[in-house]
Amino acid sequence: MDLGVIDTATLKAWHAEALAALQALSIGRREVSLSYSTPGSSRAGAFTPANRAELMQWIGQIADALAARGALAQARPRRRAIGIRF
């Protein structure tokens, strides 16, 4: 799916939902469900601990799309290089 055509607000909402689903799986819920729709398609899925990797991949795709737009805050600021003189 091309996430480049989805608006930023929708991507942020999907990202928050996916992170909440990952949290639910991490604290012991057996199954979580996510769904989204676009004007041309819709998708739904249920994630269990067995397919947690798929959920992580989906979160990564959304995060990459948001980062490409500069809409995803970094966890910590980048550090500049340290110069060493001898």
PDB file of N, CA and C in Angstrom:
ATOM      1  N   MET A   1       0.834  -1.168   0.000  1.00  0.00           N
ATOM      2  CA  MET A   1       0.000   0.000   0.000  1.00  0.00           C
ATOM      3  C   MET A   1       0.886   1.240   0.000  1.00  0.00           C
ATOM      4  N   ASP A   2       0.551   2.203  -0.831  1.00  0.00           N
ATOM      5  CA  ASP A   2       1.298   3.448  -0.920  1.00  0.00           C
ATOM      6  C   ASP A   2       0.783   4.422   0.138  1.00  0.00           C
ATOM      7  N   LEU A   3       1.548   4.597   1.197  1.00  0.00           N
ATOM      8  CA  LEU A   3       1.135   5.482   2.281  1.00  0.00           C
ATOM      9  C   LEU A   3       1.391   6.948   1.945  1.00  0.00           C
ATOM     10  N   GLY A   4       2.043   7.208   0.829  1.00  0.00           N
ATOM     11  CA  GLY A   4       2.313   8.575   0.420  1.00  0.00           C
ATOM     12  C   GLY A   4       1.074   9.362   0.048  1.00  0.00           C
ATOM     13  N   VAL A   5      -0.007   8.664  -0.287  1.00  0.00           N
ATOM     14  CA  VAL A   5      -1.232   9.353  -0.686  1.00  0.00           C
ATOM     15  C   VAL A   5      -2.180   9.590   0.492  1.00  0.00           C
ATOM     16  N   ILE A   6      -1.832   9.089   1.654  1.00  0.00           N
ATOM     17  CA  ILE A   6      -2.663   9.253   2.848  1.00  0.00           C
ATOM     18  C   ILE A   6      -2.243  10.539   3.565  1.00  0.00           C
ATOM     19  N   ASP A   7      -3.217  11.303   4.048  1.00  0.00           N
ATOM     20  CA  ASP A   7      -2.877  12.549   4.718  1.00  0.00           C
ATOM     21  C   ASP A   7      -2.196  12.277   6.068  1.00  0.00           C
ATOM     22  N   THR A   8      -1.453  13.258   6.530  1.00  0.00           N
ATOM     23  CA  THR A   8      -0.640  13.123   7.733  1.00  0.00           C
ATOM     24  C   THR A   8      -1.482  12.858   8.978  1.00  0.00           C
ATOM     25  N   ALA A   9      -2.622  13.523   9.097  1.00  0.00           N
ATOM     26  CA  ALA A   9      -3.465  13.321  10.283  1.00  0.00           C
ATOM     27  C   ALA A   9      -3.948  11.875  10.376  1.00  0.00           C
ATOM     28  N   THR A  10      -4.317  11.295   9.258  1.00  0.00           N
ATOM     29  CA  THR A  10      -4.764   9.902   9.244  1.00  0.00           C
ATOM     30  C   THR A  10      -3.614   8.971   9.606  1.00  0.00           C
ATOM     31  N   LEU A  11      -2.433   9.234   9.066  1.00  0.00           N
ATOM     32  CA  LEU A  11      -1.271   8.399   9.390  1.00  0.00           C
ATOM     33  C   LEU A  11      -0.943   8.476  10.878  1.00  0.00           C
ATOM     34  N   LYS A  12      -1.041   9.669  11.452  1.00  0.00           N
ATOM     35  CA  LYS A  12      -0.774   9.808  12.881  1.00  0.00           C
ATOM     36  C   LYS A  12      -1.792   9.023  13.709  1.00  0.00           C
ATOM     37  N   ALA A  13      -3.056   9.049  13.282  1.00  0.00           N
ATOM     38  CA  ALA A  13      -4.086   8.289  13.999  1.00  0.00           C
ATOM     39  C   ALA A  13      -3.816   6.796  13.893  1.00  0.00           C
ATOM     40  N   TRP A  14      -3.468   6.331  12.704  1.00  0.00           N
ATOM     41  CA  TRP A  14      -3.151   4.906  12.523  1.00  0.00           C
ATOM     42  C   TRP A  14      -1.950   4.513  13.362  1.00  0.00           C
ATOM     43  N   HIS A  15      -0.938   5.384  13.409  1.00  0.00           N
ATOM     44  CA  HIS A  15       0.264   5.098  14.178  1.00  0.00           C
ATOM     45  C   HIS A  15      -0.076   4.959  15.661  1.00  0.00           C
ATOM     46  N   ALA A  16      -0.900   5.867  16.161  1.00  0.00           N
ATOM     47  CA  ALA A  16      -1.298   5.801  17.574  1.00  0.00           C
ATOM     48  C   ALA A  16      -2.090   4.526  17.864  1.00  0.00           C
ATOM     49  N   GLU A  17      -3.000   4.154  16.958  1.00  0.00           N
ATOM     50  CA  GLU A  17      -3.779   2.924  17.146  1.00  0.00           C
ATOM     51  C   GLU A  17      -2.888   1.692  17.127  1.00  0.00           C
ATOM     52  N   ALA A  18      -1.937   1.673  16.205  1.00  0.00           N
ATOM     53  CA  ALA A  18      -1.042   0.520  16.104  1.00  0.00           C
ATOM     54  C   ALA A  18      -0.148   0.410  17.338  1.00  0.00           C
ATOM     55  N   LEU A  19       0.332   1.544  17.841  1.00  0.00           N
ATOM     56  CA  LEU A  19       1.140   1.510  19.059  1.00  0.00           C
ATOM     57  C   LEU A  19       0.312   1.056  20.255  1.00  0.00           C
ATOM     58  N   ALA A  20      -0.947   1.466  20.309  1.00  0.00           N
ATOM     59  CA  ALA A  20      -1.831   1.015  21.391  1.00  0.00           C
ATOM     60  C   ALA A  20      -2.068  -0.495  21.292  1.00  0.00           C
ATOM     61  N   ALA A  21      -2.210  -0.991  20.067  1.00  0.00           N
ATOM     62  CA  ALA A  21      -2.388  -2.429  19.871  1.00  0.00           C
ATOM     63  C   ALA A  21      -1.147  -3.195  20.313  1.00  0.00           C
ATOM     64  N   LEU A  22       0.027  -2.657  19.993  1.00  0.00           N
ATOM     65  CA  LEU A  22       1.274  -3.300  20.423  1.00  0.00           C
ATOM     66  C   LEU A  22       1.366  -3.300  21.945  1.00  0.00           C
ATOM     67  N   GLN A  23       0.974  -2.206  22.559  1.00  0.00           N
ATOM     68  CA  GLN A  23       0.964  -2.141  24.017  1.00  0.00           C
ATOM     69  C   GLN A  23       0.025  -3.188  24.597  1.00  0.00           C
ATOM     70  N   ALA A  24      -1.157  -3.318  24.009  1.00  0.00           N
ATOM     71  CA  ALA A  24      -2.123  -4.307  24.501  1.00  0.00           C
ATOM     72  C   ALA A  24      -1.560  -5.722  24.399  1.00  0.00           C
ATOM     73  N   LEU A  25      -0.876  -6.018  23.290  1.00  0.00           N
ATOM     74  CA  LEU A  25      -0.257  -7.337  23.154  1.00  0.00           C
ATOM     75  C   LEU A  25       0.848  -7.524  24.182  1.00  0.00           C
ATOM     76  N   SER A  26       1.605  -6.468  24.420  1.00  0.00           N
ATOM     77  CA  SER A  26       2.742  -6.566  25.330  1.00  0.00           C
ATOM     78  C   SER A  26       2.321  -6.786  26.780  1.00  0.00           C
ATOM     79  N   ILE A  27       1.147  -6.276  27.153  1.00  0.00           N
ATOM     80  CA  ILE A  27       0.713  -6.439  28.548  1.00  0.00           C
ATOM     81  C   ILE A  27      -0.180  -7.655  28.735  1.00  0.00           C
ATOM     82  N   GLY A  28      -0.301  -8.457  27.695  1.00  0.00           N
ATOM     83  CA  GLY A  28      -0.945  -9.739  27.889  1.00  0.00           C
ATOM     84  C   GLY A  28      -2.292  -9.965  27.231  1.00  0.00           C
ATOM     85  N   ARG A  29      -2.818  -8.973  26.521  1.00  0.00           N
ATOM     86  CA  ARG A  29      -4.053  -9.253  25.803  1.00  0.00           C
ATOM     87  C   ARG A  29      -3.753 -10.280  24.728  1.00  0.00           C
ATOM     88  N   ARG A  30      -4.646 -11.180  24.536  1.00  0.00           N
ATOM     89  CA  ARG A  30      -4.385 -12.286  23.625  1.00  0.00           C
ATOM     90  C   ARG A  30      -4.537 -11.893  22.167  1.00  0.00           C
ATOM     91  N   GLU A  31      -5.391 -10.941  21.883  1.00  0.00           N
ATOM     92  CA  GLU A  31      -5.636 -10.559  20.495  1.00  0.00           C
ATOM     93  C   GLU A  31      -6.084  -9.106  20.464  1.00  0.00           C
ATOM     94  N   VAL A  32      -5.602  -8.377  19.466  1.00  0.00           N
ATOM     95  CA  VAL A  32      -6.060  -7.015  19.245  1.00  0.00           C
ATOM     96  C   VAL A  32      -6.448  -6.884  17.783  1.00  0.00           C
ATOM     97  N   SER A  33      -7.396  -6.013  17.501  1.00  0.00           N
ATOM     98  CA  SER A  33      -7.865  -5.810  16.133  1.00  0.00           C
ATOM     99  C   SER A  33      -7.625  -4.372  15.717  1.00  0.00           C
ATOM    100  N   LEU A  34      -7.221  -4.189  14.466  1.00  0.00           N
ATOM    101  CA  LEU A  34      -7.037  -2.878  13.865  1.00  0.00           C
ATOM    102  C   LEU A  34      -7.757  -2.866  12.530  1.00  0.00           C
ATOM    103  N   SER A  35      -8.260  -1.711  12.149  1.00  0.00           N
ATOM    104  CA  SER A  35      -8.835  -1.571  10.816  1.00  0.00           C
ATOM    105  C   SER A  35      -8.632  -0.146  10.351  1.00  0.00           C
ATOM    106  N   TYR A  36      -8.541   0.018   9.034  1.00  0.00           N
ATOM    107  CA  TYR A  36      -8.450   1.347   8.459  1.00  0.00           C
ATOM    108  C   TYR A  36      -9.095   1.298   7.095  1.00  0.00           C
ATOM    109  N   SER A  37      -9.486   2.457   6.607  1.00  0.00           N
ATOM    110  CA  SER A  37     -10.074   2.518   5.275  1.00  0.00           C
ATOM    111  C   SER A  37      -9.619   3.783   4.581  1.00  0.00           C
ATOM    112  N   THR A  38      -9.489   3.670   3.290  1.00  0.00           N
ATOM    113  CA  THR A  38      -9.167   4.790   2.428  1.00  0.00           C
ATOM    114  C   THR A  38     -10.275   4.877   1.401  1.00  0.00           C
ATOM    115  N   PRO A  39     -10.330   5.944   0.623  1.00  0.00           N
ATOM    116  CA  PRO A  39     -11.395   6.022  -0.365  1.00  0.00           C
ATOM    117  C   PRO A  39     -11.446   4.832  -1.324  1.00  0.00           C
ATOM    118  N   GLY A  40     -10.298   4.214  -1.607  1.00  0.00           N
ATOM    119  CA  GLY A  40     -10.286   3.119  -2.556  1.00  0.00           C
ATOM    120  C   GLY A  40     -10.244   1.727  -1.964  1.00  0.00           C
ATOM    121  N   SER A  41      -9.941   1.617  -0.685  1.00  0.00           N
ATOM    122  CA  SER A  41      -9.807   0.285  -0.111  1.00  0.00           C
ATOM    123  C   SER A  41      -9.984   0.335   1.395  1.00  0.00           C
ATOM    124  N   SER A  42     -10.067  -0.834   1.969  1.00  0.00           N
ATOM    125  CA  SER A  42     -10.103  -0.938   3.426  1.00  0.00           C
ATOM    126  C   SER A  42      -9.370  -2.210   3.819  1.00  0.00           C
ATOM    127  N   ARG A  43      -8.899  -2.216   5.049  1.00  0.00           N
ATOM    128  CA  ARG A  43      -8.140  -3.367   5.521  1.00  0.00           C
ATOM    129  C   ARG A  43      -8.400  -3.528   7.008  1.00  0.00           C
ATOM    130  N   ALA A  44      -8.491  -4.733   7.441  1.00  0.00           N
ATOM    131  CA  ALA A  44      -8.672  -5.028   8.858  1.00  0.00           C
ATOM    132  C   ALA A  44      -7.822  -6.248   9.188  1.00  0.00           C
ATOM    133  N   GLY A  45      -7.410  -6.317  10.427  1.00  0.00           N
ATOM    134  CA  GLY A  45      -6.609  -7.456  10.824  1.00  0.00           C
ATOM    135  C   GLY A  45      -6.658  -7.649  12.322  1.00  0.00           C
ATOM    136  N   ALA A  46      -6.490  -8.875  12.709  1.00  0.00           N
ATOM    137  CA  ALA A  46      -6.398  -9.217  14.127  1.00  0.00           C
ATOM    138  C   ALA A  46      -4.988  -9.718  14.370  1.00  0.00           C
ATOM    139  N   PHE A  47      -4.354  -9.205  15.383  1.00  0.00           N
ATOM    140  CA  PHE A  47      -2.991  -9.573  15.696  1.00  0.00           C
ATOM    141  C   PHE A  47      -2.953 -10.312  17.019  1.00  0.00           C
ATOM    142  N   THR A  48      -2.172 -11.367  17.039  1.00  0.00           N
ATOM    143  CA  THR A  48      -1.965 -12.162  18.237  1.00  0.00           C
ATOM    144  C   THR A  48      -0.468 -12.153  18.535  1.00  0.00           C
ATOM    145  N   PRO A  49      -0.068 -12.612  19.697  1.00  0.00           N
ATOM    146  CA  PRO A  49       1.371 -12.664  19.966  1.00  0.00           C
ATOM    147  C   PRO A  49       2.150 -13.457  18.913  1.00  0.00           C
ATOM    148  N   ALA A  50       1.497 -14.386  18.254  1.00  0.00           N
ATOM    149  CA  ALA A  50       2.169 -15.203  17.243  1.00  0.00           C
ATOM    150  C   ALA A  50       2.551 -14.381  16.011  1.00  0.00           C
ATOM    151  N   ASN A  51       1.760 -13.356  15.658  1.00  0.00           N
ATOM    152  CA  ASN A  51       2.108 -12.544  14.493  1.00  0.00           C
ATOM    153  C   ASN A  51       2.419 -11.101  14.894  1.00  0.00           C
ATOM    154  N   ARG A  52       3.090 -10.961  16.009  1.00  0.00           N
ATOM    155  CA  ARG A  52       3.517  -9.650  16.508  1.00  0.00           C
ATOM    156  C   ARG A  52       4.470  -8.976  15.530  1.00  0.00           C
ATOM    157  N   ALA A  53       5.268  -9.755  14.833  1.00  0.00           N
ATOM    158  CA  ALA A  53       6.221  -9.200  13.873  1.00  0.00           C
ATOM    159  C   ALA A  53       5.507  -8.450  12.750  1.00  0.00           C
ATOM    160  N   GLU A  54       4.358  -8.938  12.328  1.00  0.00           N
ATOM    161  CA  GLU A  54       3.588  -8.248  11.292  1.00  0.00           C
ATOM    162  C   GLU A  54       3.111  -6.886  11.790  1.00  0.00           C
ATOM    163  N   LEU A  55       2.682  -6.832  13.032  1.00  0.00           N
ATOM    164  CA  LEU A  55       2.253  -5.573  13.625  1.00  0.00           C
ATOM    165  C   LEU A  55       3.439  -4.607  13.711  1.00  0.00           C
ATOM    166  N   MET A  56       4.591  -5.106  14.106  1.00  0.00           N
ATOM    167  CA  MET A  56       5.787  -4.268  14.174  1.00  0.00           C
ATOM    168  C   MET A  56       6.163  -3.738  12.790  1.00  0.00           C
ATOM    169  N   GLN A  57       5.998  -4.561  11.770  1.00  0.00           N
ATOM    170  CA  GLN A  57       6.290  -4.136  10.404  1.00  0.00           C
ATOM    171  C   GLN A  57       5.326  -3.028   9.974  1.00  0.00           C
ATOM    172  N   TRP A  58       4.049  -3.165  10.295  1.00  0.00           N
ATOM    173  CA  TRP A  58       3.048  -2.156   9.957  1.00  0.00           C
ATOM    174  C   TRP A  58       3.376  -0.835  10.662  1.00  0.00           C
ATOM    175  N   ILE A  59       3.755  -0.904  11.934  1.00  0.00           N
ATOM    176  CA  ILE A  59       4.138   0.300  12.675  1.00  0.00           C
ATOM    177  C   ILE A  59       5.349   0.949  12.007  1.00  0.00           C
ATOM    178  N   GLY A  60       6.294   0.143  11.579  1.00  0.00           N
ATOM    179  CA  GLY A  60       7.478   0.661  10.902  1.00  0.00           C
ATOM    180  C   GLY A  60       7.151   1.354   9.591  1.00  0.00           C
ATOM    181  N   GLN A  61       6.230   0.788   8.822  1.00  0.00           N
ATOM    182  CA  GLN A  61       5.834   1.406   7.557  1.00  0.00           C
ATOM    183  C   GLN A  61       5.185   2.766   7.795  1.00  0.00           C
ATOM    184  N   ILE A  62       4.313   2.832   8.776  1.00  0.00           N
ATOM    185  CA  ILE A  62       3.652   4.100   9.082  1.00  0.00           C
ATOM    186  C   ILE A  62       4.676   5.110   9.602  1.00  0.00           C
ATOM    187  N   ALA A  63       5.566   4.668  10.484  1.00  0.00           N
ATOM    188  CA  ALA A  63       6.585   5.563  11.033  1.00  0.00           C
ATOM    189  C   ALA A  63       7.502   6.086   9.930  1.00  0.00           C
ATOM    190  N   ASP A  64       7.868   5.238   8.980  1.00  0.00           N
ATOM    191  CA  ASP A  64       8.704   5.677   7.864  1.00  0.00           C
ATOM    192  C   ASP A  64       7.995   6.741   7.031  1.00  0.00           C
ATOM    193  N   ALA A  65       6.698   6.537   6.770  1.00  0.00           N
ATOM    194  CA  ALA A  65       5.927   7.512   5.995  1.00  0.00           C
ATOM    195  C   ALA A  65       5.832   8.849   6.734  1.00  0.00           C
ATOM    196  N   LEU A  66       5.637   8.786   8.053  1.00  0.00           N
ATOM    197  CA  LEU A  66       5.566  10.014   8.845  1.00  0.00           C
ATOM    198  C   LEU A  66       6.929  10.701   8.925  1.00  0.00           C
ATOM    199  N   ALA A  67       7.990   9.916   9.067  1.00  0.00           N
ATOM    200  CA  ALA A  67       9.332  10.487   9.152  1.00  0.00           C
ATOM    201  C   ALA A  67       9.725  11.160   7.836  1.00  0.00           C
ATOM    202  N   ALA A  68       9.308  10.588   6.718  1.00  0.00           N
ATOM    203  CA  ALA A  68       9.612  11.182   5.424  1.00  0.00           C
ATOM    204  C   ALA A  68       8.964  12.557   5.275  1.00  0.00           C
ATOM    205  N   ARG A  69       7.856  12.770   5.968  1.00  0.00           N
ATOM    206  CA  ARG A  69       7.163  14.065   5.934  1.00  0.00           C
ATOM    207  C   ARG A  69       7.648  14.989   7.039  1.00  0.00           C
ATOM    208  N   GLY A  70       8.514  14.498   7.901  1.00  0.00           N
ATOM    209  CA  GLY A  70       8.982  15.298   9.028  1.00  0.00           C
ATOM    210  C   GLY A  70       7.941  15.432  10.116  1.00  0.00           C
ATOM    211  N   ALA A  71       6.981  14.514  10.148  1.00  0.00           N
ATOM    212  CA  ALA A  71       5.870  14.604  11.091  1.00  0.00           C
ATOM    213  C   ALA A  71       6.036  13.691  12.302  1.00  0.00           C
ATOM    214  N   LEU A  72       7.122  12.964  12.361  1.00  0.00           N
ATOM    215  CA  LEU A  72       7.331  12.058  13.477  1.00  0.00           C
ATOM    216  C   LEU A  72       8.483  12.582  14.323  1.00  0.00           C
ATOM    217  N   ALA A  73       8.201  12.868  15.571  1.00  0.00           N
ATOM    218  CA  ALA A  73       9.232  13.404  16.461  1.00  0.00           C
ATOM    219  C   ALA A  73      10.241  12.315  16.791  1.00  0.00           C
ATOM    220  N   GLN A  74      11.482  12.684  16.813  1.00  0.00           N
ATOM    221  CA  GLN A  74      12.519  11.728  17.168  1.00  0.00           C
ATOM    222  C   GLN A  74      12.510  11.523  18.672  1.00  0.00           C
ATOM    223  N   ALA A  75      12.882  10.347  19.093  1.00  0.00           N
ATOM    224  CA  ALA A  75      12.907  10.029  20.512  1.00  0.00           C
ATOM    225  C   ALA A  75      13.930  10.882  21.255  1.00  0.00           C
ATOM    226  N   ARG A  76      15.044  11.135  20.644  1.00  0.00           N
ATOM    227  CA  ARG A  76      16.060  11.998  21.248  1.00  0.00           C
ATOM    228  C   ARG A  76      16.769  12.753  20.131  1.00  0.00           C
ATOM    229  N   PRO A  77      17.293  13.913  20.420  1.00  0.00           N
ATOM    230  CA  PRO A  77      17.947  14.694  19.372  1.00  0.00           C
ATOM    231  C   PRO A  77      19.239  14.030  18.906  1.00  0.00           C
ATOM    232  N   ARG A  78      19.568  14.279  17.679  1.00  0.00           N
ATOM    233  CA  ARG A  78      20.812  13.737  17.142  1.00  0.00           C
ATOM    234  C   ARG A  78      21.995  14.456  17.760  1.00  0.00           C
ATOM    235  N   ARG A  79      23.059  13.736  17.930  1.00  0.00           N
ATOM    236  CA  ARG A  79      24.287  14.324  18.458  1.00  0.00           C
ATOM    237  C   ARG A  79      25.241  14.568  17.296  1.00  0.00           C
ATOM    238  N   ARG A  80      26.016  15.586  17.461  1.00  0.00           N
ATOM    239  CA  ARG A  80      26.998  15.849  16.426  1.00  0.00           C
ATOM    240  C   ARG A  80      28.259  15.015  16.681  1.00  0.00           C
ATOM    241  N   ALA A  81      29.091  14.911  15.691  1.00  0.00           N
ATOM    242  CA  ALA A  81      30.310  14.121  15.790  1.00  0.00           C
ATOM    243  C   ALA A  81      31.275  14.737  16.811  1.00  0.00           C
ATOM    244  N   ILE A  82      32.002  13.892  17.472  1.00  0.00           N
ATOM    245  CA  ILE A  82      32.989  14.350  18.445  1.00  0.00           C
ATOM    246  C   ILE A  82      34.366  14.279  17.785  1.00  0.00           C
ATOM    247  N   GLY A  83      35.047  15.401  17.797  1.00  0.00           N
ATOM    248  CA  GLY A  83      36.389  15.438  17.218  1.00  0.00           C
ATOM    249  C   GLY A  83      37.442  15.169  18.279  1.00  0.00           C
ATOM    250  N   ILE A  84      38.415  14.354  17.956  1.00  0.00           N
ATOM    251  CA  ILE A  84      39.484  14.025  18.891  1.00  0.00           C
ATOM    252  C   ILE A  84      40.804  14.487  18.280  1.00  0.00           C
ATOM    253  N   ARG A  85      41.577  15.227  19.062  1.00  0.00           N
ATOM    254  CA  ARG A  85      42.881  15.696  18.597  1.00  0.00           C
ATOM    255  C   ARG A  85      43.968  15.029  19.410  1.00  0.00           C
ATOM    256  N   PHE A  86      45.042  14.657  18.742  1.00  0.00           N
ATOM    257  CA  PHE A  86      46.191  14.041  19.416  1.00  0.00           C
ATOM    258  C   PHE A  86      47.374  14.944  19.308  1.00  0.00           C
TER     259      PHE A  86
END
